C-alpha cells in the first residue's frame, strides 16, 4: 500500500514541484529552530579533494551549488539540445511567441529590480535574480489543474521556461565570471576536444563522455568561469544518435531526470532556502533588495510575459495557443514569476554576504509564493468546470 502511494505520487506531474516546496519549507523550519547552528555548520563544513596538493577545497554549500547544480545544468543542456533538434524549439514559428515572451519576461523584471535599487550600487549585482523561472515549480503548479487547462498551455510554459533557462545560462556566462584564469581555460580545451571527437564519432558508450565532462567541469571551475556552464557544454556534445542508430542523449536524459528532479533540486532547495525569520518584520520586505526581487518576479514577469504576448498576438505576428484565452496567458505570466531554484542560484552568485543572502531568500520566496497563488487562481478562473469537457475535446 505504501509503495503504491509512493509510486502514485512520483508519477504525478506535480510531484517535483511539491517536493521542491517541502524541501524549502524544511530549510526554513530548520533555519529558524534550535538546529540552526547545526544547519549552518554543516553547510559551511569544508570538503577537500586533492591529489599531490592540486585539487579543490570548498565549503559543502559550494559543492552543492557548483557541483550538483552542474549536473542540473547538464540535464538542462540535454533537454535544450533535444528540443532544438526534434522538439518544441525545432520550428521557428512555434518558438516565436514563448521565445519573445521569455525575453520580455527577463528584461522587464531586471528593469523593475534596477529601478528599485538604483540608489543602492551594492545591490545592483543582483539585477538578474528576478529574471529566472523555475521549470519544476511552475509546471508543478500547472499540473495541479489537471485537464482543466488546455494542453497547449503546458507547451507554451515549458518552451518559455526552457528559453528562460537558456537566457539565464547566457547571463551567468557573460556577467558572473570573475578572476578569469586563462591557463585553466586552455587546459579545458583538451577534454572539450575529446567530447567533440566522441560526438563526431557518434560514440555509443556514455561513460567516456561523462569522465571527460567531469574533467572539463574541474578546469572550468578553476578558471573562474562558473562551472555549471561546463554541464551545458558537455550536454551538447552527447550524440543524439550513435553509430547503431540508438540515442545516447535520450537514454542519459531519461536516466538522469529522476535524480535531478527528486534528489539534486531538493538538496539545493534545502541548502539555499533557509531564510532566517528572527527579527524580520514586514518593513524588511520593503527594503530595496528583497522588494526589488519580489516586485520583479510578481510585477515584472506579468508585464514582461503577458505584455509581450499581447503585443505579438494583437499585431498578428503570433497566434493564441490552441484552446487558450487571455486569462490563461495571464496565469502563465504569473507562473513565470516562480523564480525559486534559478533565482536563488543567481542570488548566490550575486552576493556572498549572509545578510544580503537572507534578503535574497526573503524576496525570492515571497515573490515566488505570490506568483504561484496568482497563477493558480487565474488559471482556475480561466478554466471553470463547465469548460472541462470542451477543453478536453479541443
Protein backbone atom coordinates (compact mmCIF):
# COMPACT_ATOMS: atom_id res chain seq x y z
CA UNK A 1 0.00 0.00 0.00
CA UNK A 2 2.81 2.41 0.95
CA UNK A 3 4.82 1.57 -2.17
CA UNK A 4 1.72 2.11 -4.30
CA UNK A 5 1.20 5.53 -2.71
CA UNK A 6 4.83 6.49 -3.39
CA UNK A 7 4.55 5.28 -6.99
CA UNK A 8 1.35 7.31 -7.48
CA UNK A 9 2.97 10.43 -6.02
CA UNK A 10 6.17 10.27 -8.07
CA UNK A 11 4.26 9.53 -11.28
CA UNK A 12 2.23 12.74 -10.89
CA UNK A 13 3.46 15.76 -12.87
CA UNK A 14 3.23 17.99 -9.80
CA UNK A 15 5.43 15.74 -7.62
CA UNK A 16 8.68 17.58 -8.44
CA UNK A 17 7.21 20.96 -7.53
CA UNK A 18 5.66 19.60 -4.34
CA UNK A 19 8.94 18.00 -3.23
CA UNK A 20 10.74 21.26 -4.01
CA UNK A 21 8.26 23.19 -1.87
CA UNK A 22 8.61 20.71 1.01
CA UNK A 23 12.42 20.98 0.86
CA UNK A 24 12.22 24.78 1.03
CA UNK A 25 9.78 24.57 3.95
CA UNK A 26 12.09 22.14 5.76
CA UNK A 27 15.02 24.53 5.25
CA UNK A 28 13.04 27.41 6.73
CA UNK A 29 11.92 25.34 9.72
CA UNK A 30 15.47 24.17 10.46
CA UNK A 31 16.97 27.65 9.93
CA UNK A 32 14.53 29.06 12.50
CA UNK A 33 14.90 26.34 15.13
CA UNK A 34 17.46 25.22 17.66
CA UNK A 35 19.09 23.25 14.81
CA UNK A 36 20.14 26.43 13.00
CA UNK A 37 23.79 26.28 14.18
CA UNK A 38 23.99 22.65 13.03
CA UNK A 39 22.41 23.59 9.68
CA UNK A 40 24.89 26.44 9.08
CA UNK A 41 27.82 24.47 10.41
CA UNK A 42 27.08 21.52 8.12
CA UNK A 43 26.70 23.68 5.00
CA UNK A 44 29.91 25.58 5.78
CA UNK A 45 31.97 22.50 6.63
CA UNK A 46 34.91 22.07 4.26
CA UNK A 47 35.21 19.17 1.84
CA UNK A 48 38.63 18.70 0.25
CA UNK A 49 39.55 16.59 -2.79
CA UNK A 50 43.24 16.80 -3.67
CA UNK A 51 45.91 14.82 -5.48
CA UNK A 52 49.56 15.80 -4.94
CA UNK A 53 48.44 19.11 -3.48
CA UNK A 54 46.29 20.01 -6.51
CA UNK A 55 42.51 19.87 -6.31
CA UNK A 56 39.53 21.53 -4.69
CA UNK A 57 38.79 22.71 -1.17
CA UNK A 58 35.33 24.25 -0.74
CA UNK A 59 32.51 24.56 1.79
CA UNK A 60 29.76 21.98 1.31
CA UNK A 61 27.31 24.67 0.16
CA UNK A 62 29.62 25.45 -2.80
CA UNK A 63 29.99 21.75 -3.65
CA UNK A 64 26.19 21.72 -3.92
CA UNK A 65 25.93 24.97 -5.88
CA UNK A 66 28.95 24.41 -8.13
CA UNK A 67 28.93 20.61 -8.33
CA UNK A 68 25.41 19.22 -8.04
CA UNK A 69 23.98 22.18 -9.95
CA UNK A 70 26.39 21.43 -12.79
CA UNK A 71 24.52 18.11 -13.12
CA UNK A 72 21.25 20.09 -13.14
CA UNK A 73 22.57 22.30 -15.95
CA UNK A 74 23.84 19.19 -17.75
CA UNK A 75 20.25 17.94 -17.83
CA UNK A 76 19.03 21.37 -18.98
CA UNK A 77 21.59 21.19 -21.80
CA UNK A 78 20.35 17.73 -22.83
CA UNK A 79 16.75 19.00 -22.87
CA UNK A 80 17.72 22.08 -24.88
CA UNK A 81 19.57 20.04 -27.49
CA UNK A 82 16.71 17.55 -27.83
CA UNK A 83 14.12 20.32 -28.14
CA UNK A 84 16.23 22.16 -30.74
CA UNK A 85 16.77 19.07 -32.89
CA UNK A 86 13.41 17.34 -32.71
CA UNK A 87 11.11 19.09 -30.24
CA UNK A 88 9.35 22.35 -29.46
CA UNK A 89 12.32 24.54 -30.46
CA UNK A 90 12.74 22.98 -33.91
CA UNK A 91 10.14 25.08 -35.73
CA UNK A 92 10.87 28.83 -35.51
CA UNK A 93 7.16 29.69 -35.79
CA UNK A 94 6.34 27.63 -32.70
CA UNK A 95 9.15 29.31 -30.77
CA UNK A 96 8.28 32.92 -31.62
CA UNK A 97 5.52 33.58 -29.04
CA UNK A 98 7.06 31.82 -25.99
CA UNK A 99 10.56 32.88 -27.10
CA UNK A 100 9.86 36.60 -27.26
CA UNK A 101 7.65 36.33 -24.17
CA UNK A 102 10.64 34.80 -22.37
CA UNK A 103 12.81 37.75 -23.46
CA UNK A 104 10.19 40.20 -22.18
CA UNK A 105 9.94 38.12 -19.01
CA UNK A 106 13.67 38.56 -18.39
CA UNK A 107 14.14 42.20 -19.40
CA UNK A 108 11.20 43.77 -17.52
CA UNK A 109 11.89 42.07 -14.13
CA UNK A 110 15.53 43.17 -14.38
CA UNK A 111 14.38 46.73 -15.07
CA UNK A 112 11.94 46.64 -12.13
CA UNK A 113 14.72 45.43 -9.83
CA UNK A 114 17.16 48.06 -11.15
CA UNK A 115 14.60 50.85 -10.71
CA UNK A 116 14.05 49.94 -7.05
CA UNK A 117 17.78 49.55 -6.32
CA UNK A 118 19.23 52.34 -8.47
CA UNK A 119 20.30 54.37 -5.44
CA UNK A 120 21.99 51.33 -3.86
CA UNK A 121 25.01 50.42 -6.03
CA UNK A 122 25.95 47.48 -3.78
CA UNK A 123 22.62 45.81 -4.67
CA UNK A 124 22.87 46.22 -8.45
CA UNK A 125 24.80 42.98 -8.92
CA UNK A 126 21.53 41.15 -8.21
CA UNK A 127 19.68 42.57 -11.24
CA UNK A 128 19.33 39.13 -12.87
CA UNK A 129 17.80 37.39 -9.82
CA UNK A 130 14.12 38.01 -10.74
CA UNK A 131 14.73 37.27 -14.43
CA UNK A 132 14.69 33.48 -13.93
CA UNK A 133 11.81 30.96 -13.96
CA UNK A 134 11.76 27.65 -12.08
CA UNK A 135 10.61 24.95 -14.54
CA UNK A 136 9.80 22.24 -11.97
CA UNK A 137 7.85 24.53 -9.66
CA UNK A 138 5.92 26.33 -12.43
CA UNK A 139 4.98 23.12 -14.25
CA UNK A 140 4.08 21.55 -10.89
CA UNK A 141 1.52 24.28 -10.20
CA UNK A 142 0.11 23.97 -13.73
CA UNK A 143 -0.15 20.18 -13.32
CA UNK A 144 -2.36 20.66 -10.24
CA UNK A 145 -5.07 21.89 -12.64
CA UNK A 146 -5.14 18.55 -14.43
CA UNK A 147 -7.06 18.69 -17.71
CA UNK A 148 -8.90 21.89 -16.75
CA UNK A 149 -6.32 23.90 -18.69
CA UNK A 150 -5.60 23.43 -22.42
CA UNK A 151 -2.67 21.15 -23.21
CA UNK A 152 -1.21 23.95 -25.34
CA UNK A 153 -0.53 25.94 -22.16
CA UNK A 154 1.93 23.32 -20.91
CA UNK A 155 3.81 23.51 -24.22
CA UNK A 156 3.78 27.33 -24.02
CA UNK A 157 5.04 27.39 -20.41
CA UNK A 158 7.62 24.64 -20.99
CA UNK A 159 9.05 26.37 -24.07
CA UNK A 160 9.09 29.73 -22.27
CA UNK A 161 10.84 28.23 -19.23
CA UNK A 162 13.41 26.36 -21.34
CA UNK A 163 14.31 29.53 -23.25
CA UNK A 164 14.34 31.40 -19.94
CA UNK A 165 16.93 28.91 -18.67
CA UNK A 166 18.95 29.40 -21.84
CA UNK A 167 18.89 33.14 -21.17
CA UNK A 168 19.99 32.52 -17.58
CA UNK A 169 22.91 30.43 -18.84
CA UNK A 170 24.00 33.28 -21.14
CA UNK A 171 23.67 35.79 -18.28
CA UNK A 172 25.81 33.63 -15.98
CA UNK A 173 28.46 33.26 -18.70
CA UNK A 174 28.61 36.97 -19.50
CA UNK A 175 28.09 38.66 -16.15
CA UNK A 176 29.05 36.23 -13.38
CA UNK A 177 32.59 35.31 -14.34
CA UNK A 178 35.33 36.76 -12.12
CA UNK A 179 39.09 36.38 -11.67
CA UNK A 180 39.49 34.68 -15.03
CA UNK A 181 42.48 32.31 -15.21
CA UNK A 182 43.24 31.75 -18.87
CA UNK A 183 45.64 28.84 -18.25
CA UNK A 184 42.85 26.67 -16.84
CA UNK A 185 40.58 27.60 -19.77
CA UNK A 186 43.31 26.42 -22.15
CA UNK A 187 43.54 23.14 -20.22
CA UNK A 188 39.74 22.84 -20.53
CA UNK A 189 40.15 22.70 -24.31
CA UNK A 190 41.64 19.18 -24.01
CA UNK A 191 38.56 17.42 -22.52
CA UNK A 192 36.36 19.58 -24.76
CA UNK A 193 38.26 18.32 -27.81
CA UNK A 194 37.72 14.76 -26.56
CA UNK A 195 33.98 15.38 -26.17
CA UNK A 196 33.73 16.84 -29.67
CA UNK A 197 35.65 13.85 -31.08
CA UNK A 198 33.28 11.40 -29.34
CA UNK A 199 30.31 13.34 -30.72
CA UNK A 200 31.78 13.28 -34.22
CA UNK A 201 32.35 9.52 -33.96
CA UNK A 202 28.76 9.06 -32.69
CA UNK A 203 30.14 7.10 -29.79
CA UNK A 204 27.77 4.55 -28.26
CA UNK A 205 29.26 4.46 -24.75
CA UNK A 206 28.32 7.30 -22.40
CA UNK A 207 30.96 6.71 -19.68
CA UNK A 208 33.93 8.27 -21.57
CA UNK A 209 31.88 11.42 -22.23
CA UNK A 210 30.88 11.64 -18.56
CA UNK A 211 34.52 11.29 -17.46
CA UNK A 212 35.63 14.00 -19.89
CA UNK A 213 32.74 16.15 -18.70
CA UNK A 214 33.93 15.90 -15.08
CA UNK A 215 37.47 16.90 -16.14
CA UNK A 216 36.01 19.81 -18.14
CA UNK A 217 34.00 20.86 -15.06
CA UNK A 218 37.16 20.89 -12.93
CA UNK A 219 39.16 23.09 -15.31
CA UNK A 220 36.24 25.47 -15.93
CA UNK A 221 35.68 25.80 -12.17
CA UNK A 222 39.37 26.57 -11.57
CA UNK A 223 39.35 29.11 -14.44
CA UNK A 224 36.85 31.39 -12.69
CA UNK A 225 34.07 30.81 -15.24
CA UNK A 226 31.06 29.38 -13.44
CA UNK A 227 31.35 25.60 -13.58
CA UNK A 228 27.68 24.97 -14.34
CA UNK A 229 28.43 26.10 -17.89
CA UNK A 230 30.62 23.02 -18.27
CA UNK A 231 27.48 20.94 -17.73
CA UNK A 232 25.70 22.66 -20.63
CA UNK A 233 28.73 22.37 -22.94
CA UNK A 234 29.19 18.67 -22.14
CA UNK A 235 25.47 18.03 -22.73
CA UNK A 236 25.64 19.47 -26.25
CA UNK A 237 28.46 17.02 -27.01
CA UNK A 238 26.30 13.96 -26.25
CA UNK A 239 25.23 12.42 -29.60
CA UNK A 240 21.54 12.46 -30.46
CA UNK A 241 22.06 9.18 -32.32
CA UNK A 242 25.03 6.82 -32.16
CA UNK A 243 26.54 4.63 -34.86
CA UNK A 244 23.96 1.91 -34.08
CA UNK A 245 21.01 4.26 -34.53
CA UNK A 246 20.26 4.45 -30.81
CA UNK A 247 20.08 7.71 -28.81
CA UNK A 248 22.63 8.18 -26.00
CA UNK A 249 21.08 11.60 -25.35
CA UNK A 250 17.59 10.19 -24.79
CA UNK A 251 18.94 7.40 -22.58
CA UNK A 252 21.01 9.78 -20.47
CA UNK A 253 18.20 12.33 -20.16
CA UNK A 254 15.68 9.66 -19.17
CA UNK A 255 18.05 8.08 -16.64
CA UNK A 256 19.21 11.37 -15.13
CA UNK A 257 15.86 13.18 -14.82
CA UNK A 258 14.57 11.42 -11.67
CA UNK A 259 17.84 12.02 -9.79
CA UNK A 260 17.86 15.71 -10.69
CA UNK A 261 14.15 16.26 -10.01
CA UNK A 262 13.86 14.24 -6.81
CA UNK A 263 17.35 14.48 -5.32
CA UNK A 264 19.58 17.28 -6.63
CA UNK A 265 16.99 20.09 -6.80
CA UNK A 266 15.51 19.28 -3.36
CA UNK A 267 19.04 19.19 -1.87
CA UNK A 268 19.77 22.57 -3.48
CA UNK A 269 16.49 23.98 -2.14
CA UNK A 270 17.19 22.69 1.37
CA UNK A 271 20.70 24.18 1.31
CA UNK A 272 19.69 27.58 -0.10
CA UNK A 273 16.16 28.37 1.06
CA UNK A 274 16.88 28.65 4.80
CA UNK A 275 15.79 32.25 5.31
CA UNK A 276 16.18 33.31 8.96
CA UNK A 277 12.95 35.00 10.06
CA UNK A 278 14.12 36.01 13.54
CA UNK A 279 13.74 39.76 13.93
CA UNK A 280 12.24 40.18 10.45
CA UNK A 281 9.18 42.41 10.11
CA UNK A 282 7.03 43.44 7.16
CA UNK A 283 9.17 46.55 6.77
CA UNK A 284 12.18 44.32 5.99
CA UNK A 285 10.38 43.03 2.91
CA UNK A 286 10.06 46.65 1.76
CA UNK A 287 13.84 47.10 1.78
CA UNK A 288 15.18 47.71 -1.77
CA UNK A 289 16.88 44.30 -2.21
CA UNK A 290 14.02 41.90 -1.30
CA UNK A 291 11.38 44.29 -2.67
CA UNK A 292 13.20 44.56 -5.99
CA UNK A 293 13.34 40.76 -6.30
CA UNK A 294 9.72 40.19 -5.23
CA UNK A 295 8.39 43.03 -7.42
CA UNK A 296 10.48 41.80 -10.34
CA UNK A 297 9.07 38.28 -10.04
CA UNK A 298 5.46 39.33 -9.45
CA UNK A 299 5.03 42.55 -11.46
CA UNK A 300 7.96 42.34 -13.88
CA UNK A 301 7.16 38.81 -15.08
CA UNK A 302 3.47 39.60 -15.54
CA UNK A 303 4.17 42.77 -17.52
CA UNK A 304 7.03 41.20 -19.50
CA UNK A 305 5.41 37.88 -20.44
CA UNK A 306 1.77 38.99 -20.75
CA UNK A 307 2.61 42.35 -22.33
CA UNK A 308 4.89 40.81 -24.97
CA UNK A 309 2.36 38.06 -25.73
CA UNK A 310 -0.47 40.62 -26.06
CA UNK A 311 1.54 42.75 -28.47
CA UNK A 312 2.60 39.81 -30.65
CA UNK A 313 -0.90 38.35 -30.87
CA UNK A 314 -2.62 41.70 -31.47
CA UNK A 315 -0.09 42.56 -34.18
CA UNK A 316 -0.75 39.21 -35.88
CA UNK A 317 2.86 38.13 -35.51
CA UNK A 318 1.89 35.11 -33.37
CA UNK A 319 -1.27 33.14 -32.60
CA UNK A 320 -3.00 32.46 -29.31
CA UNK A 321 -2.20 28.90 -28.08
CA UNK A 322 -4.95 26.47 -29.14
CA UNK A 323 -7.91 26.46 -26.74
CA UNK A 324 -6.48 29.27 -24.60
CA UNK A 325 -7.81 32.73 -23.74
CA UNK A 326 -6.28 35.90 -22.30
CA UNK A 327 -6.84 34.78 -18.71
CA UNK A 328 -4.83 31.63 -19.48
CA UNK A 329 -1.96 33.74 -20.82
CA UNK A 330 -2.12 35.94 -17.73
CA UNK A 331 -2.00 32.85 -15.50
CA UNK A 332 1.09 31.57 -17.33
CA UNK A 333 2.70 35.01 -16.97
CA UNK A 334 2.13 34.76 -13.21
CA UNK A 335 3.59 31.23 -13.03
CA UNK A 336 6.67 32.51 -14.87
CA UNK A 337 7.26 34.62 -11.75
CA UNK A 338 8.11 31.50 -9.75
CA UNK A 339 11.87 32.01 -9.72
CA UNK A 340 12.95 29.81 -6.83
CA UNK A 341 15.79 27.43 -7.91
CA UNK A 342 17.33 29.62 -10.62
CA UNK A 343 16.71 32.88 -8.71
CA UNK A 344 18.33 31.51 -5.55
CA UNK A 345 21.21 30.21 -7.66
CA UNK A 346 21.84 33.58 -9.32
CA UNK A 347 21.41 35.24 -5.90
CA UNK A 348 24.26 33.10 -4.59
CA UNK A 349 26.43 34.29 -7.48
CA UNK A 350 25.46 37.92 -6.84
CA UNK A 351 26.09 38.14 -3.09
CA UNK A 352 28.34 36.37 -0.62
CA UNK A 353 27.28 38.37 2.43
CA UNK A 354 24.98 36.29 4.72
CA UNK A 355 22.77 39.30 5.45
CA UNK A 356 22.25 40.01 1.75
CA UNK A 357 21.60 36.35 1.04
CA UNK A 358 18.91 36.26 3.70
CA UNK A 359 17.29 39.26 1.98
CA UNK A 360 17.59 37.45 -1.37
CA UNK A 361 15.86 34.37 0.06
CA UNK A 362 13.11 36.52 1.55
CA UNK A 363 12.48 38.27 -1.78
CA UNK A 364 12.62 35.07 -3.87
CA UNK A 365 10.34 33.07 -1.56
CA UNK A 366 7.81 35.91 -1.23
CA UNK A 367 7.73 36.71 -4.95
CA UNK A 368 7.55 33.04 -5.97
CA UNK A 369 4.75 32.27 -3.48
CA UNK A 370 2.64 35.26 -4.61
CA UNK A 371 3.24 34.35 -8.26
CA UNK A 372 2.22 30.72 -7.66
CA UNK A 373 -1.01 31.69 -5.89
CA UNK A 374 -1.94 34.33 -8.52
CA UNK A 375 -1.13 31.96 -11.38
CA UNK A 376 -3.14 29.09 -9.96
CA UNK A 377 -6.12 31.35 -9.20
CA UNK A 378 -6.06 32.93 -12.68
CA UNK A 379 -5.91 29.55 -14.41
CA UNK A 380 -8.72 28.22 -12.23
CA UNK A 381 -10.88 31.20 -13.22
CA UNK A 382 -9.93 30.76 -16.87
CA UNK A 383 -10.89 27.07 -16.89
CA UNK A 384 -14.12 26.56 -14.90
CA UNK A 385 -15.53 23.06 -14.58
CA UNK A 386 -18.21 23.82 -17.15
CA UNK A 387 -15.49 24.13 -19.80
CA UNK A 388 -13.65 20.98 -18.81
CA UNK A 389 -15.24 18.80 -21.46
CA UNK A 390 -14.72 21.44 -24.17
CA UNK A 391 -11.05 21.84 -23.22
CA UNK A 392 -10.50 18.08 -23.21
CA UNK A 393 -12.23 17.81 -26.58
CA UNK A 394 -10.05 20.53 -28.04
